[in-house]
Amino acid sequence: MQDVLICRNINKTYQDGSNATPVLHDISLSIKAGEHVAILGSSGSGKSTLLHILGGLDKPSSGDVEFNGKSLSKLSGNTLAKLRNDEMGFIYQFHHLLGEFTALENVAMPLRIRGLSTKAAHNKAKLMLDEVGLSHRVDHLPSTMSGGERQRVAIARALVTEPSVVLADEPTGNLDDTTGEQIYKLLTSLSEKKGTAFVVVTHDILLAEKMDRVLKIKDGRLVSQALSKESQNARP
């Protein structure tokens, strides 16, 4: 399988005047097309910062990220924004839906930004909402939905552009166990249909073990990369 994301010797230090706070130290890794990878670490370990750098939402202090052969550091702001819209999806613990827009309008938003007509964007958004089991909620505002429903809308929004990779930051962290399990099964089902790679940042060991591979970060350093236990058990 082809590498969709390659991260080489990433370091990140935040500077506040004369105070320097190192967050990431010499991290290198790769993510293959269609692969499900967990980045596991405690709060403050640097895992969310790494996810933001992988998605081009933050810049490393040194090192480079390649996405489908393109160096993110060499792209202009507009080109990077277009790449994120065209080829990446983002899911967060708190869904970040726009409260004044319906589920349909929220899911259609990335397509409208891309330049699709309202009709075309809404048609694709309806199909995606049906995929996540929310065809009956297309005209509802986020405030009228449950936490699990809002997260499913956020997943639909992340996948409607058919991205190469979805970057998820604690996507089940704000949900009860049953709903979290449903969201995980939904993610893997949609990934298998569309061949999307998933990179999931979490501190949940049980969730991490369901992925193909687990990367562990401690104090900003990558301390291990291994197949998950479920992947090992599935091997003949």
C-alpha atoms as a PDB file:
ATOM      1  CA  MET A   1       0.000   0.000   0.000  1.00  0.00           C
ATOM      2  CA  GLN A   2       1.126   3.520  -0.773  1.00  0.00           C
ATOM      3  CA  ASP A   3       2.085   5.962   1.972  1.00  0.00           C
ATOM      4  CA  VAL A   4      -0.446   8.787   2.152  1.00  0.00           C
ATOM      5  CA  LEU A   5       1.264  10.657   5.005  1.00  0.00           C
ATOM      6  CA  ILE A   6       4.973  10.728   5.847  1.00  0.00           C
ATOM      7  CA  CYS A   7       6.306  12.653   8.824  1.00  0.00           C
ATOM      8  CA  ARG A   8      10.090  13.176   8.991  1.00  0.00           C
ATOM      9  CA  ASN A   9      12.020  14.348  12.059  1.00  0.00           C
ATOM     10  CA  ILE A  10       9.267  16.624  13.362  1.00  0.00           C
ATOM     11  CA  ASN A  11      10.135  18.955  16.219  1.00  0.00           C
ATOM     12  CA  LYS A  12       7.810  21.559  17.701  1.00  0.00           C
ATOM     13  CA  THR A  13       8.652  24.262  20.219  1.00  0.00           C
ATOM     14  CA  TYR A  14       6.267  27.024  21.255  1.00  0.00           C
ATOM     15  CA  GLN A  15       7.932  30.343  21.954  1.00  0.00           C
ATOM     16  CA  ASP A  16       6.436  32.877  24.363  1.00  0.00           C
ATOM     17  CA  GLY A  17       8.880  35.749  24.558  1.00  0.00           C
ATOM     18  CA  SER A  18      12.058  34.315  26.050  1.00  0.00           C
ATOM     19  CA  ASN A  19      10.267  31.166  27.248  1.00  0.00           C
ATOM     20  CA  ALA A  20      10.555  28.118  25.003  1.00  0.00           C
ATOM     21  CA  THR A  21       8.280  25.102  25.519  1.00  0.00           C
ATOM     22  CA  PRO A  22       9.336  22.007  23.541  1.00  0.00           C
ATOM     23  CA  VAL A  23       6.325  19.824  22.673  1.00  0.00           C
ATOM     24  CA  LEU A  24       7.496  17.319  20.019  1.00  0.00           C
ATOM     25  CA  HIS A  25      10.942  15.745  19.625  1.00  0.00           C
ATOM     26  CA  ASP A  26      12.229  14.218  16.365  1.00  0.00           C
ATOM     27  CA  ILE A  27       9.096  12.279  15.392  1.00  0.00           C
ATOM     28  CA  SER A  28       9.097  10.221  12.194  1.00  0.00           C
ATOM     29  CA  LEU A  29       6.243   7.995  11.011  1.00  0.00           C
ATOM     30  CA  SER A  30       4.201   7.048   7.966  1.00  0.00           C
ATOM     31  CA  ILE A  31       0.532   6.261   7.335  1.00  0.00           C
ATOM     32  CA  LYS A  32      -0.559   4.007   4.472  1.00  0.00           C
ATOM     33  CA  ALA A  33      -3.665   4.405   2.336  1.00  0.00           C
ATOM     34  CA  GLY A  34      -6.683   2.785   4.027  1.00  0.00           C
ATOM     35  CA  GLU A  35      -4.794   2.171   7.289  1.00  0.00           C
ATOM     36  CA  HIS A  36      -6.355   2.789  10.711  1.00  0.00           C
ATOM     37  CA  VAL A  37      -3.755   4.186  13.115  1.00  0.00           C
ATOM     38  CA  ALA A  38      -4.153   5.251  16.738  1.00  0.00           C
ATOM     39  CA  ILE A  39      -1.867   7.819  18.334  1.00  0.00           C
ATOM     40  CA  LEU A  40      -2.011   6.962  22.010  1.00  0.00           C
ATOM     41  CA  GLY A  41      -0.786   9.154  24.831  1.00  0.00           C
ATOM     42  CA  SER A  42      -1.755  10.869  28.056  1.00  0.00           C
ATOM     43  CA  SER A  43      -2.982  14.439  28.259  1.00  0.00           C
ATOM     44  CA  GLY A  44      -0.142  16.841  27.425  1.00  0.00           C
ATOM     45  CA  SER A  45       1.951  14.223  25.631  1.00  0.00           C
ATOM     46  CA  GLY A  46       1.873  16.179  22.345  1.00  0.00           C
ATOM     47  CA  LYS A  47      -0.447  13.889  20.397  1.00  0.00           C
ATOM     48  CA  SER A  48      -2.957  16.601  19.419  1.00  0.00           C
ATOM     49  CA  THR A  49      -0.123  18.923  18.355  1.00  0.00           C
ATOM     50  CA  LEU A  50       1.205  16.135  16.141  1.00  0.00           C
ATOM     51  CA  LEU A  51      -2.248  15.630  14.595  1.00  0.00           C
ATOM     52  CA  HIS A  52      -2.510  19.363  13.819  1.00  0.00           C
ATOM     53  CA  ILE A  53       0.911  19.276  12.147  1.00  0.00           C
ATOM     54  CA  LEU A  54      -0.040  16.199  10.103  1.00  0.00           C
ATOM     55  CA  GLY A  55      -3.116  18.081   8.893  1.00  0.00           C
ATOM     56  CA  GLY A  56      -1.265  21.288   8.080  1.00  0.00           C
ATOM     57  CA  LEU A  57      -3.150  23.183  10.790  1.00  0.00           C
ATOM     58  CA  ASP A  58       0.127  23.952  12.565  1.00  0.00           C
ATOM     59  CA  LYS A  59       3.721  24.147  11.358  1.00  0.00           C
ATOM     60  CA  PRO A  60       6.631  22.200  12.839  1.00  0.00           C
ATOM     61  CA  SER A  61       9.643  24.098  14.142  1.00  0.00           C
ATOM     62  CA  SER A  62      11.753  21.719  12.049  1.00  0.00           C
ATOM     63  CA  GLY A  63      11.180  18.608   9.976  1.00  0.00           C
ATOM     64  CA  ASP A  64       8.649  18.017   7.215  1.00  0.00           C
ATOM     65  CA  VAL A  65       5.294  16.384   6.478  1.00  0.00           C
ATOM     66  CA  GLU A  66       4.543  14.910   3.055  1.00  0.00           C
ATOM     67  CA  PHE A  67       0.962  14.300   2.000  1.00  0.00           C
ATOM     68  CA  ASN A  68       0.564  12.182  -1.152  1.00  0.00           C
ATOM     69  CA  GLY A  69       4.070  13.227  -2.179  1.00  0.00           C
ATOM     70  CA  LYS A  70       3.576  16.949  -1.507  1.00  0.00           C
ATOM     71  CA  SER A  71       5.678  18.713   1.125  1.00  0.00           C
ATOM     72  CA  LEU A  72       3.245  20.756   3.240  1.00  0.00           C
ATOM     73  CA  SER A  73       5.966  23.259   4.162  1.00  0.00           C
ATOM     74  CA  LYS A  74       6.428  24.179   0.491  1.00  0.00           C
ATOM     75  CA  LEU A  75       2.756  24.934  -0.179  1.00  0.00           C
ATOM     76  CA  SER A  76       1.305  28.445  -0.100  1.00  0.00           C
ATOM     77  CA  GLY A  77      -1.484  29.172   2.367  1.00  0.00           C
ATOM     78  CA  ASN A  78      -4.159  29.022  -0.331  1.00  0.00           C
ATOM     79  CA  THR A  79      -2.804  25.786  -1.824  1.00  0.00           C
ATOM     80  CA  LEU A  80      -2.604  24.182   1.612  1.00  0.00           C
ATOM     81  CA  ALA A  81      -6.180  25.224   2.407  1.00  0.00           C
ATOM     82  CA  LYS A  82      -7.366  23.722  -0.889  1.00  0.00           C
ATOM     83  CA  LEU A  83      -5.489  20.488  -0.212  1.00  0.00           C
ATOM     84  CA  ARG A  84      -7.111  20.204   3.216  1.00  0.00           C
ATOM     85  CA  ASN A  85     -10.550  20.778   1.698  1.00  0.00           C
ATOM     86  CA  ASP A  86      -9.994  18.362  -1.179  1.00  0.00           C
ATOM     87  CA  GLU A  87      -8.081  15.519   0.426  1.00  0.00           C
ATOM     88  CA  MET A  88      -8.365  15.652   4.237  1.00  0.00           C
ATOM     89  CA  GLY A  89     -11.201  15.296   6.705  1.00  0.00           C
ATOM     90  CA  PHE A  90     -11.166  16.411  10.346  1.00  0.00           C
ATOM     91  CA  ILE A  91     -13.198  15.127  13.309  1.00  0.00           C
ATOM     92  CA  TYR A  92     -12.913  16.534  16.820  1.00  0.00           C
ATOM     93  CA  GLN A  93     -14.114  15.521  20.277  1.00  0.00           C
ATOM     94  CA  PHE A  94     -16.442  18.521  20.213  1.00  0.00           C
ATOM     95  CA  HIS A  95     -18.145  18.404  16.848  1.00  0.00           C
ATOM     96  CA  HIS A  96     -17.673  22.099  15.906  1.00  0.00           C
ATOM     97  CA  LEU A  97     -20.901  22.174  13.918  1.00  0.00           C
ATOM     98  CA  LEU A  98     -22.275  25.580  12.979  1.00  0.00           C
ATOM     99  CA  GLY A  99     -25.300  26.055  15.207  1.00  0.00           C
ATOM    100  CA  GLU A 100     -27.281  28.273  12.851  1.00  0.00           C
ATOM    101  CA  PHE A 101     -27.120  25.728  10.004  1.00  0.00           C
ATOM    102  CA  THR A 102     -29.020  22.458   9.599  1.00  0.00           C
ATOM    103  CA  ALA A 103     -27.326  19.061   9.487  1.00  0.00           C
ATOM    104  CA  LEU A 104     -27.626  19.145   5.693  1.00  0.00           C
ATOM    105  CA  GLU A 105     -26.055  22.595   5.445  1.00  0.00           C
ATOM    106  CA  ASN A 106     -23.225  21.670   7.818  1.00  0.00           C
ATOM    107  CA  VAL A 107     -22.316  18.563   5.815  1.00  0.00           C
ATOM    108  CA  ALA A 108     -22.587  20.437   2.507  1.00  0.00           C
ATOM    109  CA  MET A 109     -20.306  23.257   3.712  1.00  0.00           C
ATOM    110  CA  PRO A 110     -16.947  21.765   2.553  1.00  0.00           C
ATOM    111  CA  LEU A 111     -18.456  21.129  -0.875  1.00  0.00           C
ATOM    112  CA  ARG A 112     -19.801  24.673  -1.122  1.00  0.00           C
ATOM    113  CA  ILE A 113     -16.333  25.966  -0.164  1.00  0.00           C
ATOM    114  CA  ARG A 114     -14.947  23.776  -2.946  1.00  0.00           C
ATOM    115  CA  GLY A 115     -17.246  25.562  -5.402  1.00  0.00           C
ATOM    116  CA  LEU A 116     -20.058  23.062  -5.935  1.00  0.00           C
ATOM    117  CA  SER A 117     -23.521  24.453  -6.546  1.00  0.00           C
ATOM    118  CA  THR A 118     -25.963  24.405  -3.642  1.00  0.00           C
ATOM    119  CA  LYS A 119     -28.014  21.689  -5.338  1.00  0.00           C
ATOM    120  CA  ALA A 120     -25.029  19.427  -6.057  1.00  0.00           C
ATOM    121  CA  ALA A 121     -23.572  19.937  -2.568  1.00  0.00           C
ATOM    122  CA  HIS A 122     -26.911  19.210  -0.898  1.00  0.00           C
ATOM    123  CA  ASN A 123     -27.430  16.070  -2.967  1.00  0.00           C
ATOM    124  CA  LYS A 124     -24.037  14.692  -1.906  1.00  0.00           C
ATOM    125  CA  ALA A 125     -24.643  15.760   1.696  1.00  0.00           C
ATOM    126  CA  LYS A 126     -27.985  13.930   1.770  1.00  0.00           C
ATOM    127  CA  LEU A 127     -26.344  10.734   0.556  1.00  0.00           C
ATOM    128  CA  MET A 128     -23.650  11.035   3.224  1.00  0.00           C
ATOM    129  CA  LEU A 129     -26.176  11.698   5.993  1.00  0.00           C
ATOM    130  CA  ASP A 130     -28.036   8.594   4.867  1.00  0.00           C
ATOM    131  CA  GLU A 131     -24.757   6.640   5.150  1.00  0.00           C
ATOM    132  CA  VAL A 132     -24.460   7.660   8.811  1.00  0.00           C
ATOM    133  CA  GLY A 133     -28.124   6.900   9.524  1.00  0.00           C
ATOM    134  CA  LEU A 134     -29.386  10.475   9.728  1.00  0.00           C
ATOM    135  CA  SER A 135     -31.592  10.850   6.652  1.00  0.00           C
ATOM    136  CA  HIS A 136     -34.456  11.759   9.003  1.00  0.00           C
ATOM    137  CA  ARG A 137     -32.459  14.628  10.572  1.00  0.00           C
ATOM    138  CA  VAL A 138     -31.281  16.553   7.498  1.00  0.00           C
ATOM    139  CA  ASP A 139     -33.328  19.664   8.306  1.00  0.00           C
ATOM    140  CA  HIS A 140     -32.586  19.705  12.050  1.00  0.00           C
ATOM    141  CA  LEU A 141     -30.285  22.141  13.824  1.00  0.00           C
ATOM    142  CA  PRO A 142     -27.445  20.728  15.976  1.00  0.00           C
ATOM    143  CA  SER A 143     -29.149  22.018  19.137  1.00  0.00           C
ATOM    144  CA  THR A 144     -32.038  19.587  18.566  1.00  0.00           C
ATOM    145  CA  MET A 145     -29.795  16.528  18.245  1.00  0.00           C
ATOM    146  CA  SER A 146     -28.175  14.151  20.733  1.00  0.00           C
ATOM    147  CA  GLY A 147     -24.409  14.076  21.229  1.00  0.00           C
ATOM    148  CA  GLY A 148     -24.096  10.921  19.152  1.00  0.00           C
ATOM    149  CA  GLU A 149     -26.156  12.418  16.329  1.00  0.00           C
ATOM    150  CA  ARG A 150     -24.069  15.577  16.276  1.00  0.00           C
ATOM    151  CA  GLN A 151     -20.895  13.516  16.100  1.00  0.00           C
ATOM    152  CA  ARG A 152     -22.351  11.509  13.202  1.00  0.00           C
ATOM    153  CA  VAL A 153     -23.060  14.789  11.386  1.00  0.00           C
ATOM    154  CA  ALA A 154     -19.429  15.778  11.997  1.00  0.00           C
ATOM    155  CA  ILE A 155     -18.282  12.438  10.578  1.00  0.00           C
ATOM    156  CA  ALA A 156     -20.498  12.923   7.523  1.00  0.00           C
ATOM    157  CA  ARG A 157     -18.984  16.391   7.037  1.00  0.00           C
ATOM    158  CA  ALA A 158     -15.456  14.952   7.256  1.00  0.00           C
ATOM    159  CA  LEU A 159     -16.186  12.213   4.717  1.00  0.00           C
ATOM    160  CA  VAL A 160     -18.424  14.004   2.213  1.00  0.00           C
ATOM    161  CA  THR A 161     -15.417  15.194   0.182  1.00  0.00           C
ATOM    162  CA  GLU A 162     -14.132  11.582  -0.050  1.00  0.00           C
ATOM    163  CA  PRO A 163     -10.740  12.455   1.503  1.00  0.00           C
ATOM    164  CA  SER A 164      -7.609  10.323   1.365  1.00  0.00           C
ATOM    165  CA  VAL A 165      -7.211  10.595   5.143  1.00  0.00           C
ATOM    166  CA  VAL A 166      -9.354  11.563   8.122  1.00  0.00           C
ATOM    167  CA  LEU A 167      -7.633  12.994  11.199  1.00  0.00           C
ATOM    168  CA  ALA A 168      -9.684  12.514  14.354  1.00  0.00           C
ATOM    169  CA  ASP A 169      -8.917  14.049  17.757  1.00  0.00           C
ATOM    170  CA  GLU A 170     -10.658  12.095  20.546  1.00  0.00           C
ATOM    171  CA  PRO A 171     -13.727  11.469  18.317  1.00  0.00           C
ATOM    172  CA  THR A 172     -15.476   9.367  20.979  1.00  0.00           C
ATOM    173  CA  GLY A 173     -14.085  11.127  24.067  1.00  0.00           C
ATOM    174  CA  ASN A 174     -17.251  13.123  24.749  1.00  0.00           C
ATOM    175  CA  LEU A 175     -19.654  10.197  24.270  1.00  0.00           C
ATOM    176  CA  ASP A 176     -20.912   7.352  26.446  1.00  0.00           C
ATOM    177  CA  ASP A 177     -19.409   3.902  25.840  1.00  0.00           C
ATOM    178  CA  THR A 178     -22.307   2.558  23.768  1.00  0.00           C
ATOM    179  CA  THR A 179     -22.452   5.605  21.487  1.00  0.00           C
ATOM    180  CA  GLY A 180     -18.657   5.663  21.247  1.00  0.00           C
ATOM    181  CA  GLU A 181     -18.655   2.048  20.065  1.00  0.00           C
ATOM    182  CA  GLN A 182     -21.316   2.872  17.463  1.00  0.00           C
ATOM    183  CA  ILE A 183     -19.240   5.794  16.194  1.00  0.00           C
ATOM    184  CA  TYR A 184     -16.135   3.601  15.934  1.00  0.00           C
ATOM    185  CA  LYS A 185     -18.021   0.942  13.952  1.00  0.00           C
ATOM    186  CA  LEU A 186     -19.416   3.634  11.685  1.00  0.00           C
ATOM    187  CA  LEU A 187     -15.936   5.043  11.026  1.00  0.00           C
ATOM    188  CA  THR A 188     -14.463   1.664  10.151  1.00  0.00           C
ATOM    189  CA  SER A 189     -17.431   0.720   7.943  1.00  0.00           C
ATOM    190  CA  LEU A 190     -17.225   3.942   5.954  1.00  0.00           C
ATOM    191  CA  SER A 191     -13.444   3.646   5.747  1.00  0.00           C
ATOM    192  CA  GLU A 192     -13.683   0.165   4.259  1.00  0.00           C
ATOM    193  CA  LYS A 193     -16.191   1.365   1.651  1.00  0.00           C
ATOM    194  CA  LYS A 194     -14.168   4.397   0.599  1.00  0.00           C
ATOM    195  CA  GLY A 195     -10.561   3.297   1.273  1.00  0.00           C
ATOM    196  CA  THR A 196      -9.952   6.208   3.625  1.00  0.00           C
ATOM    197  CA  ALA A 197      -7.027   6.189   6.074  1.00  0.00           C
ATOM    198  CA  PHE A 198      -7.861   7.150   9.656  1.00  0.00           C
ATOM    199  CA  VAL A 199      -5.456   8.656  12.177  1.00  0.00           C
ATOM    200  CA  VAL A 200      -7.124   8.786  15.586  1.00  0.00           C
ATOM    201  CA  VAL A 201      -5.610  10.601  18.542  1.00  0.00           C
ATOM    202  CA  THR A 202      -6.833   9.157  21.821  1.00  0.00           C
ATOM    203  CA  HIS A 203      -5.944   8.304  25.400  1.00  0.00           C
ATOM    204  CA  ASP A 204      -8.443   5.393  25.271  1.00  0.00           C
ATOM    205  CA  ILE A 205      -6.445   2.141  25.174  1.00  0.00           C
ATOM    206  CA  LEU A 206      -9.519   0.057  24.237  1.00  0.00           C
ATOM    207  CA  LEU A 207     -10.217   2.263  21.224  1.00  0.00           C
ATOM    208  CA  ALA A 208      -6.546   2.223  20.212  1.00  0.00           C
ATOM    209  CA  GLU A 209      -6.417  -1.577  20.279  1.00  0.00           C
ATOM    210  CA  LYS A 210      -9.187  -1.719  17.657  1.00  0.00           C
ATOM    211  CA  MET A 211      -6.991   0.060  15.110  1.00  0.00           C
ATOM    212  CA  ASP A 212      -4.518  -1.616  12.738  1.00  0.00           C
ATOM    213  CA  ARG A 213      -1.529  -0.027  14.439  1.00  0.00           C
ATOM    214  CA  VAL A 214      -0.793   1.896  17.621  1.00  0.00           C
ATOM    215  CA  LEU A 215       1.754   4.714  17.933  1.00  0.00           C
ATOM    216  CA  LYS A 216       2.563   5.666  21.516  1.00  0.00           C
ATOM    217  CA  ILE A 217       3.757   9.154  22.431  1.00  0.00           C
ATOM    218  CA  LYS A 218       5.236  10.108  25.784  1.00  0.00           C
ATOM    219  CA  ASP A 219       6.557  13.572  26.637  1.00  0.00           C
ATOM    220  CA  GLY A 220       6.547  14.532  22.974  1.00  0.00           C
ATOM    221  CA  ARG A 221       8.544  11.497  21.847  1.00  0.00           C
ATOM    222  CA  LEU A 222       7.403   8.526  19.802  1.00  0.00           C
ATOM    223  CA  VAL A 223       8.241   5.646  22.114  1.00  0.00           C
ATOM    224  CA  SER A 224       6.754   2.736  20.158  1.00  0.00           C
ATOM    225  CA  GLN A 225       5.036   1.723  16.919  1.00  0.00           C
ATOM    226  CA  ALA A 226       3.316  -1.660  16.799  1.00  0.00           C
ATOM    227  CA  LEU A 227       0.404  -3.598  15.408  1.00  0.00           C
ATOM    228  CA  SER A 228      -2.561  -3.450  17.759  1.00  0.00           C
ATOM    229  CA  LYS A 229      -3.438  -6.571  19.745  1.00  0.00           C
ATOM    230  CA  GLU A 230      -6.592  -7.082  17.664  1.00  0.00           C
ATOM    231  CA  SER A 231      -4.537  -6.911  14.457  1.00  0.00           C
ATOM    232  CA  GLN A 232      -2.042  -9.428  15.851  1.00  0.00           C
ATOM    233  CA  ASN A 233      -4.849 -11.769  16.899  1.00  0.00           C
ATOM    234  CA  ALA A 234      -6.443 -11.507  13.451  1.00  0.00           C
ATOM    235  CA  ARG A 235      -3.282 -12.760  11.750  1.00  0.00           C
ATOM    236  CA  PRO A 236      -3.301 -16.399  10.596  1.00  0.00           C
END
